[in-house]
Amino acid sequence: MSDVRPPEWFAKSLAMWVAVVNKPLPELTIHSYWLLLHDIPRHELEPAMIAVLRQHVYQSYPMPGQVRSFIDNRIGPIEGWHLARQAMQAAGGSWASREDIERAYTTLPRRVVACIQIVGWLRLCDSSHNESLWERAWREAANITTRSDDECVERIETNFLKGIPQHG
């Protein structure tokens, strides 16, 4: 883990956390935070780290999941819809390979990815499905993005897909 060095801007953001919490932050923890958050673009991560620290009320460090949740909850369903559609078009739409879809997922907030997985990539590529289906998925994704993968799949199957025609 020691060969993965966080960039200077990230270390400076964590130094602000150290100044506020007033407890040392071990080098291993700094590396762990970076490994868990490095996939978030800097323009999203830096302000999120400050905002999470502002809201944090405990004498401990915020967890990386709190930073991710802050970013995921910052956007609304309409912006999420547009982010999903842009990522899908960039990946090749209904012709996208599995690798292109997975690459697209890495550029999106967790809640947007959860919505795409709830509704289905091909169903979203179909223009006959409109934003109301997305908004329903958006509400459901708020409930599942904090659960384990197995719980997410079970919840999707039992609560969301009832009544939606399945295309074979």
N, C-alpha and C. Protein backbone atom coordinates (compact mmCIF):
# COMPACT_ATOMS: atom_id res chain seq x y z
N MET A 1 0.82 -1.18 0.00
CA MET A 1 0.00 0.00 0.00
C MET A 1 0.87 1.26 0.00
N SER A 2 2.10 1.15 0.45
CA SER A 2 2.96 2.32 0.57
C SER A 2 3.39 2.87 -0.78
N ASP A 3 3.24 2.10 -1.89
CA ASP A 3 3.63 2.61 -3.19
C ASP A 3 2.55 3.48 -3.82
N VAL A 4 1.39 3.55 -3.23
CA VAL A 4 0.31 4.38 -3.73
C VAL A 4 0.30 5.68 -2.94
N ARG A 5 0.77 6.74 -3.56
CA ARG A 5 0.88 8.02 -2.86
C ARG A 5 -0.28 8.91 -3.26
N PRO A 6 -1.02 9.43 -2.29
CA PRO A 6 -2.08 10.37 -2.61
C PRO A 6 -1.48 11.67 -3.14
N PRO A 7 -2.18 12.36 -4.04
CA PRO A 7 -1.66 13.64 -4.53
C PRO A 7 -1.63 14.69 -3.42
N GLU A 8 -0.87 15.73 -3.65
CA GLU A 8 -0.68 16.76 -2.63
C GLU A 8 -2.00 17.44 -2.25
N TRP A 9 -2.86 17.69 -3.23
CA TRP A 9 -4.13 18.36 -2.92
C TRP A 9 -4.98 17.52 -1.97
N PHE A 10 -4.92 16.20 -2.12
CA PHE A 10 -5.69 15.31 -1.26
C PHE A 10 -5.11 15.34 0.16
N ALA A 11 -3.79 15.29 0.25
CA ALA A 11 -3.14 15.35 1.56
C ALA A 11 -3.46 16.66 2.27
N LYS A 12 -3.54 17.76 1.52
CA LYS A 12 -3.88 19.05 2.11
C LYS A 12 -5.33 19.06 2.62
N SER A 13 -6.21 18.43 1.89
CA SER A 13 -7.61 18.33 2.34
C SER A 13 -7.70 17.54 3.65
N LEU A 14 -6.94 16.45 3.73
CA LEU A 14 -6.93 15.66 4.96
C LEU A 14 -6.26 16.41 6.10
N ALA A 15 -5.29 17.26 5.77
CA ALA A 15 -4.64 18.07 6.82
C ALA A 15 -5.65 19.01 7.47
N MET A 16 -6.61 19.49 6.68
CA MET A 16 -7.66 20.32 7.25
C MET A 16 -8.50 19.49 8.23
N TRP A 17 -8.78 18.23 7.88
CA TRP A 17 -9.51 17.35 8.78
C TRP A 17 -8.74 17.18 10.09
N VAL A 18 -7.42 16.98 9.98
CA VAL A 18 -6.58 16.79 11.16
C VAL A 18 -6.66 18.04 12.05
N ALA A 19 -6.61 19.21 11.44
CA ALA A 19 -6.67 20.46 12.21
C ALA A 19 -8.00 20.59 12.96
N VAL A 20 -9.07 20.14 12.35
CA VAL A 20 -10.40 20.27 12.97
C VAL A 20 -10.63 19.20 14.03
N VAL A 21 -10.33 17.96 13.69
CA VAL A 21 -10.56 16.85 14.63
C VAL A 21 -9.52 16.85 15.74
N ASN A 22 -8.34 17.36 15.45
CA ASN A 22 -7.26 17.48 16.42
C ASN A 22 -6.78 16.13 16.95
N LYS A 23 -6.68 15.17 16.02
CA LYS A 23 -6.13 13.85 16.31
C LYS A 23 -5.22 13.48 15.14
N PRO A 24 -4.12 12.77 15.42
CA PRO A 24 -3.22 12.39 14.31
C PRO A 24 -3.92 11.43 13.34
N LEU A 25 -3.50 11.51 12.10
CA LEU A 25 -4.03 10.64 11.06
C LEU A 25 -2.88 9.79 10.54
N PRO A 26 -2.84 8.51 10.88
CA PRO A 26 -1.72 7.65 10.46
C PRO A 26 -1.58 7.57 8.94
N GLU A 27 -0.38 7.37 8.49
CA GLU A 27 -0.07 7.29 7.06
C GLU A 27 -0.91 6.20 6.37
N LEU A 28 -1.08 5.08 7.03
CA LEU A 28 -1.88 3.99 6.47
C LEU A 28 -3.33 4.44 6.25
N THR A 29 -3.85 5.23 7.16
CA THR A 29 -5.22 5.73 7.03
C THR A 29 -5.32 6.70 5.86
N ILE A 30 -4.32 7.54 5.69
CA ILE A 30 -4.31 8.48 4.57
C ILE A 30 -4.34 7.70 3.25
N HIS A 31 -3.51 6.68 3.15
CA HIS A 31 -3.48 5.84 1.95
C HIS A 31 -4.82 5.13 1.74
N SER A 32 -5.41 4.66 2.82
CA SER A 32 -6.70 3.96 2.72
C SER A 32 -7.79 4.90 2.22
N TYR A 33 -7.82 6.10 2.77
CA TYR A 33 -8.80 7.09 2.28
C TYR A 33 -8.61 7.32 0.78
N TRP A 34 -7.37 7.49 0.36
CA TRP A 34 -7.11 7.74 -1.06
C TRP A 34 -7.56 6.56 -1.91
N LEU A 35 -7.24 5.34 -1.49
CA LEU A 35 -7.65 4.17 -2.26
C LEU A 35 -9.17 4.06 -2.37
N LEU A 36 -9.87 4.49 -1.34
CA LEU A 36 -11.33 4.40 -1.33
C LEU A 36 -12.02 5.56 -2.04
N LEU A 37 -11.30 6.65 -2.25
CA LEU A 37 -11.93 7.84 -2.85
C LEU A 37 -11.28 8.30 -4.16
N HIS A 38 -10.19 7.65 -4.58
CA HIS A 38 -9.42 8.15 -5.73
C HIS A 38 -10.21 8.21 -7.04
N ASP A 39 -11.27 7.43 -7.16
CA ASP A 39 -12.02 7.40 -8.41
C ASP A 39 -12.96 8.59 -8.57
N ILE A 40 -13.14 9.39 -7.53
CA ILE A 40 -14.00 10.56 -7.61
C ILE A 40 -13.18 11.72 -8.17
N PRO A 41 -13.69 12.41 -9.19
CA PRO A 41 -12.94 13.53 -9.75
C PRO A 41 -12.64 14.60 -8.70
N ARG A 42 -11.48 15.22 -8.84
CA ARG A 42 -11.04 16.22 -7.86
C ARG A 42 -12.06 17.34 -7.67
N HIS A 43 -12.68 17.81 -8.77
CA HIS A 43 -13.62 18.92 -8.66
C HIS A 43 -14.87 18.56 -7.85
N GLU A 44 -15.12 17.27 -7.66
CA GLU A 44 -16.23 16.82 -6.81
C GLU A 44 -15.73 16.47 -5.40
N LEU A 45 -14.56 15.86 -5.34
CA LEU A 45 -14.05 15.34 -4.07
C LEU A 45 -13.64 16.44 -3.10
N GLU A 46 -12.90 17.42 -3.56
CA GLU A 46 -12.44 18.48 -2.65
C GLU A 46 -13.58 19.20 -1.95
N PRO A 47 -14.59 19.71 -2.69
CA PRO A 47 -15.68 20.39 -1.98
C PRO A 47 -16.49 19.44 -1.10
N ALA A 48 -16.60 18.19 -1.50
CA ALA A 48 -17.34 17.22 -0.68
C ALA A 48 -16.63 16.96 0.64
N MET A 49 -15.30 16.89 0.60
CA MET A 49 -14.55 16.66 1.84
C MET A 49 -14.74 17.82 2.82
N ILE A 50 -14.79 19.04 2.30
CA ILE A 50 -15.01 20.20 3.15
C ILE A 50 -16.44 20.19 3.70
N ALA A 51 -17.40 19.92 2.84
CA ALA A 51 -18.81 19.91 3.27
C ALA A 51 -19.08 18.82 4.31
N VAL A 52 -18.52 17.65 4.10
CA VAL A 52 -18.71 16.56 5.06
C VAL A 52 -18.10 16.93 6.41
N LEU A 53 -16.95 17.55 6.38
CA LEU A 53 -16.31 17.97 7.63
C LEU A 53 -17.16 19.02 8.35
N ARG A 54 -17.77 19.92 7.60
CA ARG A 54 -18.66 20.93 8.20
C ARG A 54 -19.84 20.29 8.92
N GLN A 55 -20.36 19.21 8.37
CA GLN A 55 -21.54 18.56 8.93
C GLN A 55 -21.21 17.52 9.99
N HIS A 56 -19.95 17.12 10.08
CA HIS A 56 -19.54 16.04 10.98
C HIS A 56 -19.52 16.54 12.43
N VAL A 57 -20.20 15.84 13.31
CA VAL A 57 -20.35 16.32 14.69
C VAL A 57 -19.55 15.52 15.71
N TYR A 58 -18.86 14.48 15.28
CA TYR A 58 -18.14 13.62 16.21
C TYR A 58 -16.66 14.00 16.29
N GLN A 59 -16.00 13.62 17.36
CA GLN A 59 -14.56 13.85 17.52
C GLN A 59 -13.76 12.71 16.89
N SER A 60 -14.16 12.32 15.72
CA SER A 60 -13.46 11.30 14.94
C SER A 60 -13.48 11.76 13.48
N TYR A 61 -12.82 11.02 12.65
CA TYR A 61 -12.79 11.38 11.24
C TYR A 61 -14.03 10.87 10.52
N PRO A 62 -14.53 11.65 9.56
CA PRO A 62 -15.63 11.13 8.73
C PRO A 62 -15.14 9.91 7.95
N MET A 63 -16.05 9.04 7.65
CA MET A 63 -15.71 7.84 6.88
C MET A 63 -15.79 8.14 5.38
N PRO A 64 -15.04 7.42 4.56
CA PRO A 64 -15.10 7.66 3.11
C PRO A 64 -16.52 7.53 2.56
N GLY A 65 -17.31 6.64 3.12
CA GLY A 65 -18.69 6.48 2.67
C GLY A 65 -19.52 7.74 2.87
N GLN A 66 -19.20 8.53 3.89
CA GLN A 66 -19.91 9.79 4.10
C GLN A 66 -19.62 10.77 2.97
N VAL A 67 -18.38 10.77 2.51
CA VAL A 67 -18.01 11.65 1.40
C VAL A 67 -18.76 11.21 0.14
N ARG A 68 -18.76 9.90 -0.13
CA ARG A 68 -19.48 9.38 -1.29
C ARG A 68 -20.97 9.68 -1.21
N SER A 69 -21.56 9.48 -0.06
CA SER A 69 -23.00 9.74 0.11
C SER A 69 -23.31 11.21 -0.13
N PHE A 70 -22.45 12.09 0.37
CA PHE A 70 -22.67 13.51 0.15
C PHE A 70 -22.70 13.82 -1.35
N ILE A 71 -21.76 13.28 -2.09
CA ILE A 71 -21.70 13.51 -3.54
C ILE A 71 -22.92 12.92 -4.21
N ASP A 72 -23.28 11.69 -3.86
CA ASP A 72 -24.43 11.03 -4.48
C ASP A 72 -25.73 11.77 -4.21
N ASN A 73 -25.89 12.31 -3.02
CA ASN A 73 -27.14 12.96 -2.66
C ASN A 73 -27.21 14.41 -3.10
N ARG A 74 -26.12 14.94 -3.62
CA ARG A 74 -26.09 16.33 -4.03
C ARG A 74 -26.84 16.57 -5.33
N ILE A 75 -26.96 15.55 -6.16
CA ILE A 75 -27.66 15.74 -7.43
C ILE A 75 -29.09 15.25 -7.32
N GLY A 76 -29.95 15.80 -8.14
CA GLY A 76 -31.35 15.41 -8.16
C GLY A 76 -31.63 14.44 -9.30
N PRO A 77 -32.88 13.98 -9.38
CA PRO A 77 -33.21 12.97 -10.39
C PRO A 77 -33.05 13.45 -11.82
N ILE A 78 -33.34 14.71 -12.09
CA ILE A 78 -33.23 15.19 -13.47
C ILE A 78 -31.77 15.26 -13.89
N GLU A 79 -30.91 15.79 -13.01
CA GLU A 79 -29.48 15.82 -13.33
C GLU A 79 -28.94 14.40 -13.44
N GLY A 80 -29.39 13.50 -12.57
CA GLY A 80 -28.98 12.10 -12.64
C GLY A 80 -29.38 11.47 -13.96
N TRP A 81 -30.60 11.78 -14.42
CA TRP A 81 -31.10 11.28 -15.71
C TRP A 81 -30.18 11.73 -16.84
N HIS A 82 -29.82 13.01 -16.84
CA HIS A 82 -28.97 13.54 -17.90
C HIS A 82 -27.55 12.95 -17.83
N LEU A 83 -27.02 12.78 -16.62
CA LEU A 83 -25.70 12.14 -16.47
C LEU A 83 -25.73 10.72 -17.02
N ALA A 84 -26.79 9.99 -16.70
CA ALA A 84 -26.91 8.61 -17.17
C ALA A 84 -26.99 8.56 -18.68
N ARG A 85 -27.83 9.41 -19.26
CA ARG A 85 -27.99 9.41 -20.72
C ARG A 85 -26.67 9.79 -21.42
N GLN A 86 -25.95 10.77 -20.88
CA GLN A 86 -24.67 11.16 -21.48
C GLN A 86 -23.67 10.01 -21.42
N ALA A 87 -23.59 9.36 -20.26
CA ALA A 87 -22.66 8.24 -20.11
C ALA A 87 -23.03 7.09 -21.04
N MET A 88 -24.32 6.85 -21.19
CA MET A 88 -24.78 5.76 -22.05
C MET A 88 -24.45 6.06 -23.51
N GLN A 89 -24.69 7.28 -23.94
CA GLN A 89 -24.37 7.65 -25.33
C GLN A 89 -22.87 7.57 -25.57
N ALA A 90 -22.07 8.04 -24.63
CA ALA A 90 -20.61 8.00 -24.78
C ALA A 90 -20.11 6.55 -24.85
N ALA A 91 -20.78 5.65 -24.17
CA ALA A 91 -20.36 4.24 -24.15
C ALA A 91 -20.84 3.47 -25.37
N GLY A 92 -21.75 4.05 -26.14
CA GLY A 92 -22.22 3.35 -27.33
C GLY A 92 -23.67 2.94 -27.27
N GLY A 93 -24.41 3.41 -26.27
CA GLY A 93 -25.84 3.12 -26.17
C GLY A 93 -26.12 1.63 -26.05
N SER A 94 -27.11 1.16 -26.81
CA SER A 94 -27.50 -0.25 -26.71
C SER A 94 -26.46 -1.18 -27.31
N TRP A 95 -25.49 -0.64 -28.04
CA TRP A 95 -24.42 -1.45 -28.63
C TRP A 95 -23.19 -1.52 -27.74
N ALA A 96 -23.24 -0.93 -26.57
CA ALA A 96 -22.08 -0.86 -25.68
C ALA A 96 -21.67 -2.26 -25.21
N SER A 97 -20.37 -2.47 -25.15
CA SER A 97 -19.85 -3.74 -24.62
C SER A 97 -19.93 -3.72 -23.10
N ARG A 98 -19.80 -4.86 -22.49
CA ARG A 98 -19.80 -4.97 -21.03
C ARG A 98 -18.71 -4.08 -20.43
N GLU A 99 -17.53 -4.08 -21.06
CA GLU A 99 -16.42 -3.26 -20.57
C GLU A 99 -16.74 -1.77 -20.66
N ASP A 100 -17.39 -1.36 -21.76
CA ASP A 100 -17.77 0.05 -21.91
C ASP A 100 -18.80 0.46 -20.87
N ILE A 101 -19.73 -0.43 -20.57
CA ILE A 101 -20.75 -0.15 -19.55
C ILE A 101 -20.08 -0.01 -18.19
N GLU A 102 -19.20 -0.94 -17.85
CA GLU A 102 -18.51 -0.87 -16.56
C GLU A 102 -17.65 0.38 -16.46
N ARG A 103 -17.02 0.77 -17.56
CA ARG A 103 -16.22 2.00 -17.57
C ARG A 103 -17.13 3.22 -17.36
N ALA A 104 -18.29 3.21 -17.97
CA ALA A 104 -19.25 4.31 -17.80
C ALA A 104 -19.69 4.41 -16.34
N TYR A 105 -19.88 3.26 -15.69
CA TYR A 105 -20.30 3.26 -14.29
C TYR A 105 -19.27 3.97 -13.40
N THR A 106 -17.99 3.85 -13.73
CA THR A 106 -16.96 4.46 -12.88
C THR A 106 -16.98 5.98 -12.95
N THR A 107 -17.67 6.54 -13.94
CA THR A 107 -17.73 7.99 -14.07
C THR A 107 -18.96 8.59 -13.41
N LEU A 108 -19.82 7.75 -12.88
CA LEU A 108 -21.12 8.21 -12.38
C LEU A 108 -21.24 8.06 -10.87
N PRO A 109 -22.03 8.93 -10.23
CA PRO A 109 -22.33 8.74 -8.81
C PRO A 109 -23.05 7.41 -8.57
N ARG A 110 -22.87 6.84 -7.38
CA ARG A 110 -23.46 5.53 -7.05
C ARG A 110 -24.96 5.48 -7.28
N ARG A 111 -25.64 6.56 -6.92
CA ARG A 111 -27.10 6.54 -7.05
C ARG A 111 -27.52 6.48 -8.51
N VAL A 112 -26.78 7.12 -9.40
CA VAL A 112 -27.09 7.06 -10.83
C VAL A 112 -26.84 5.64 -11.34
N VAL A 113 -25.75 5.04 -10.92
CA VAL A 113 -25.46 3.65 -11.31
C VAL A 113 -26.57 2.72 -10.80
N ALA A 114 -27.00 2.92 -9.56
CA ALA A 114 -28.08 2.09 -9.01
C ALA A 114 -29.34 2.23 -9.84
N CYS A 115 -29.65 3.45 -10.27
CA CYS A 115 -30.84 3.66 -11.10
C CYS A 115 -30.72 2.94 -12.44
N ILE A 116 -29.55 3.03 -13.05
CA ILE A 116 -29.35 2.34 -14.32
C ILE A 116 -29.53 0.84 -14.13
N GLN A 117 -29.00 0.32 -13.02
CA GLN A 117 -29.12 -1.11 -12.77
C GLN A 117 -30.56 -1.50 -12.45
N ILE A 118 -31.29 -0.62 -11.78
CA ILE A 118 -32.70 -0.90 -11.48
C ILE A 118 -33.52 -0.96 -12.76
N VAL A 119 -33.39 0.07 -13.57
CA VAL A 119 -34.21 0.16 -14.78
C VAL A 119 -33.67 -0.75 -15.87
N GLY A 120 -32.37 -0.82 -15.98
CA GLY A 120 -31.74 -1.64 -17.02
C GLY A 120 -31.16 -0.77 -18.11
N TRP A 121 -29.94 -1.08 -18.50
CA TRP A 121 -29.22 -0.30 -19.51
C TRP A 121 -30.02 -0.22 -20.81
N LEU A 122 -30.48 -1.37 -21.32
CA LEU A 122 -31.19 -1.38 -22.60
C LEU A 122 -32.53 -0.67 -22.51
N ARG A 123 -33.21 -0.81 -21.38
CA ARG A 123 -34.49 -0.14 -21.19
C ARG A 123 -34.30 1.38 -21.20
N LEU A 124 -33.19 1.86 -20.64
CA LEU A 124 -32.93 3.29 -20.65
C LEU A 124 -32.48 3.78 -22.04
N CYS A 125 -31.85 2.90 -22.81
CA CYS A 125 -31.47 3.28 -24.17
C CYS A 125 -32.71 3.43 -25.05
N ASP A 126 -33.77 2.74 -24.70
CA ASP A 126 -35.03 2.81 -25.44
C ASP A 126 -35.71 4.13 -25.11
N SER A 127 -35.91 4.96 -26.11
CA SER A 127 -36.48 6.30 -25.86
C SER A 127 -37.94 6.26 -25.45
N SER A 128 -38.59 5.10 -25.54
CA SER A 128 -40.00 5.04 -25.14
C SER A 128 -40.16 5.07 -23.61
N HIS A 129 -39.08 4.82 -22.87
CA HIS A 129 -39.13 4.92 -21.42
C HIS A 129 -38.72 6.33 -21.03
N ASN A 130 -39.57 7.00 -20.31
CA ASN A 130 -39.31 8.41 -20.05
C ASN A 130 -38.81 8.66 -18.64
N GLU A 131 -38.75 9.93 -18.30
CA GLU A 131 -38.18 10.33 -17.02
C GLU A 131 -39.01 9.90 -15.82
N SER A 132 -40.30 9.60 -15.99
CA SER A 132 -41.10 9.18 -14.82
C SER A 132 -40.61 7.82 -14.31
N LEU A 133 -40.22 6.93 -15.21
CA LEU A 133 -39.64 5.65 -14.81
C LEU A 133 -38.34 5.89 -14.05
N TRP A 134 -37.53 6.82 -14.55
CA TRP A 134 -36.28 7.17 -13.89
C TRP A 134 -36.56 7.72 -12.49
N GLU A 135 -37.54 8.60 -12.35
CA GLU A 135 -37.83 9.19 -11.04
C GLU A 135 -38.26 8.12 -10.04
N ARG A 136 -39.00 7.14 -10.50
CA ARG A 136 -39.38 6.02 -9.62
C ARG A 136 -38.13 5.25 -9.18
N ALA A 137 -37.24 5.00 -10.14
CA ALA A 137 -35.99 4.31 -9.82
C ALA A 137 -35.14 5.16 -8.89
N TRP A 138 -35.16 6.49 -9.07
CA TRP A 138 -34.38 7.40 -8.23
C TRP A 138 -34.81 7.28 -6.77
N ARG A 139 -36.12 7.23 -6.53
CA ARG A 139 -36.62 7.09 -5.15
C ARG A 139 -36.20 5.74 -4.57
N GLU A 140 -36.28 4.71 -5.38
CA GLU A 140 -35.89 3.37 -4.92
C GLU A 140 -34.39 3.30 -4.64
N ALA A 141 -33.60 3.95 -5.50
CA ALA A 141 -32.14 3.92 -5.33
C ALA A 141 -31.71 4.58 -4.03
N ALA A 142 -32.47 5.56 -3.58
CA ALA A 142 -32.15 6.21 -2.31
C ALA A 142 -32.22 5.21 -1.17
N ASN A 143 -33.08 4.23 -1.29
CA ASN A 143 -33.24 3.22 -0.25
C ASN A 143 -32.22 2.10 -0.33
N ILE A 144 -31.63 1.89 -1.50
CA ILE A 144 -30.78 0.70 -1.64
C ILE A 144 -29.30 0.98 -1.72
N THR A 145 -28.88 2.20 -1.96
CA THR A 145 -27.45 2.43 -2.17
C THR A 145 -26.63 2.25 -0.90
N THR A 146 -27.28 2.15 0.24
CA THR A 146 -26.54 1.92 1.48
C THR A 146 -26.57 0.45 1.89
N ARG A 147 -27.20 -0.39 1.11
CA ARG A 147 -27.32 -1.81 1.45
C ARG A 147 -26.26 -2.64 0.74
N SER A 148 -26.16 -3.90 1.13
CA SER A 148 -25.23 -4.80 0.45
C SER A 148 -25.75 -5.13 -0.94
N ASP A 149 -24.89 -5.65 -1.82
CA ASP A 149 -25.29 -5.99 -3.17
C ASP A 149 -26.44 -6.99 -3.19
N ASP A 150 -26.39 -8.02 -2.33
CA ASP A 150 -27.45 -9.02 -2.29
C ASP A 150 -28.78 -8.40 -1.89
N GLU A 151 -28.74 -7.52 -0.88
CA GLU A 151 -29.97 -6.85 -0.46
C GLU A 151 -30.51 -5.96 -1.57
N CYS A 152 -29.62 -5.31 -2.31
CA CYS A 152 -30.04 -4.45 -3.41
C CYS A 152 -30.78 -5.27 -4.47
N VAL A 153 -30.18 -6.37 -4.88
CA VAL A 153 -30.80 -7.20 -5.91
C VAL A 153 -32.16 -7.71 -5.45
N GLU A 154 -32.24 -8.19 -4.21
CA GLU A 154 -33.50 -8.68 -3.68
C GLU A 154 -34.56 -7.57 -3.65
N ARG A 155 -34.18 -6.39 -3.20
CA ARG A 155 -35.12 -5.28 -3.12
C ARG A 155 -35.59 -4.85 -4.51
N ILE A 156 -34.68 -4.82 -5.46
CA ILE A 156 -35.05 -4.47 -6.83
C ILE A 156 -36.06 -5.48 -7.36
N GLU A 157 -35.75 -6.76 -7.18
CA GLU A 157 -36.63 -7.80 -7.72
C GLU A 157 -38.01 -7.79 -7.06
N THR A 158 -38.06 -7.56 -5.76
CA THR A 158 -39.35 -7.67 -5.08
C THR A 158 -40.18 -6.39 -5.11
N ASN A 159 -39.55 -5.22 -5.12
CA ASN A 159 -40.31 -3.99 -5.01
C ASN A 159 -40.42 -3.18 -6.29
N PHE A 160 -39.39 -3.16 -7.07
CA PHE A 160 -39.39 -2.25 -8.20
C PHE A 160 -39.93 -2.89 -9.47
N LEU A 161 -39.50 -4.10 -9.76
CA LEU A 161 -39.82 -4.69 -11.06
C LEU A 161 -41.24 -5.24 -11.16
N LYS A 162 -41.99 -5.26 -10.05
CA LYS A 162 -43.38 -5.69 -10.13
C LYS A 162 -44.14 -4.76 -11.07
N GLY A 163 -44.80 -5.31 -12.00
CA GLY A 163 -45.65 -4.50 -12.87
C GLY A 163 -44.94 -3.87 -14.06
N ILE A 164 -43.63 -3.99 -14.16
CA ILE A 164 -42.93 -3.46 -15.32
C ILE A 164 -42.82 -4.59 -16.34
N PRO A 165 -43.32 -4.36 -17.54
CA PRO A 165 -43.22 -5.41 -18.56
C PRO A 165 -41.77 -5.77 -18.82
N GLN A 166 -41.47 -7.03 -18.83
CA GLN A 166 -40.11 -7.50 -19.08
C GLN A 166 -39.98 -7.85 -20.56
N HIS A 167 -38.91 -7.36 -21.17
CA HIS A 167 -38.66 -7.65 -22.59
C HIS A 167 -37.73 -8.86 -22.67
N GLY A 168 -38.11 -9.84 -23.40
CA GLY A 168 -37.30 -11.04 -23.48
C GLY A 168 -36.51 -11.05 -24.68
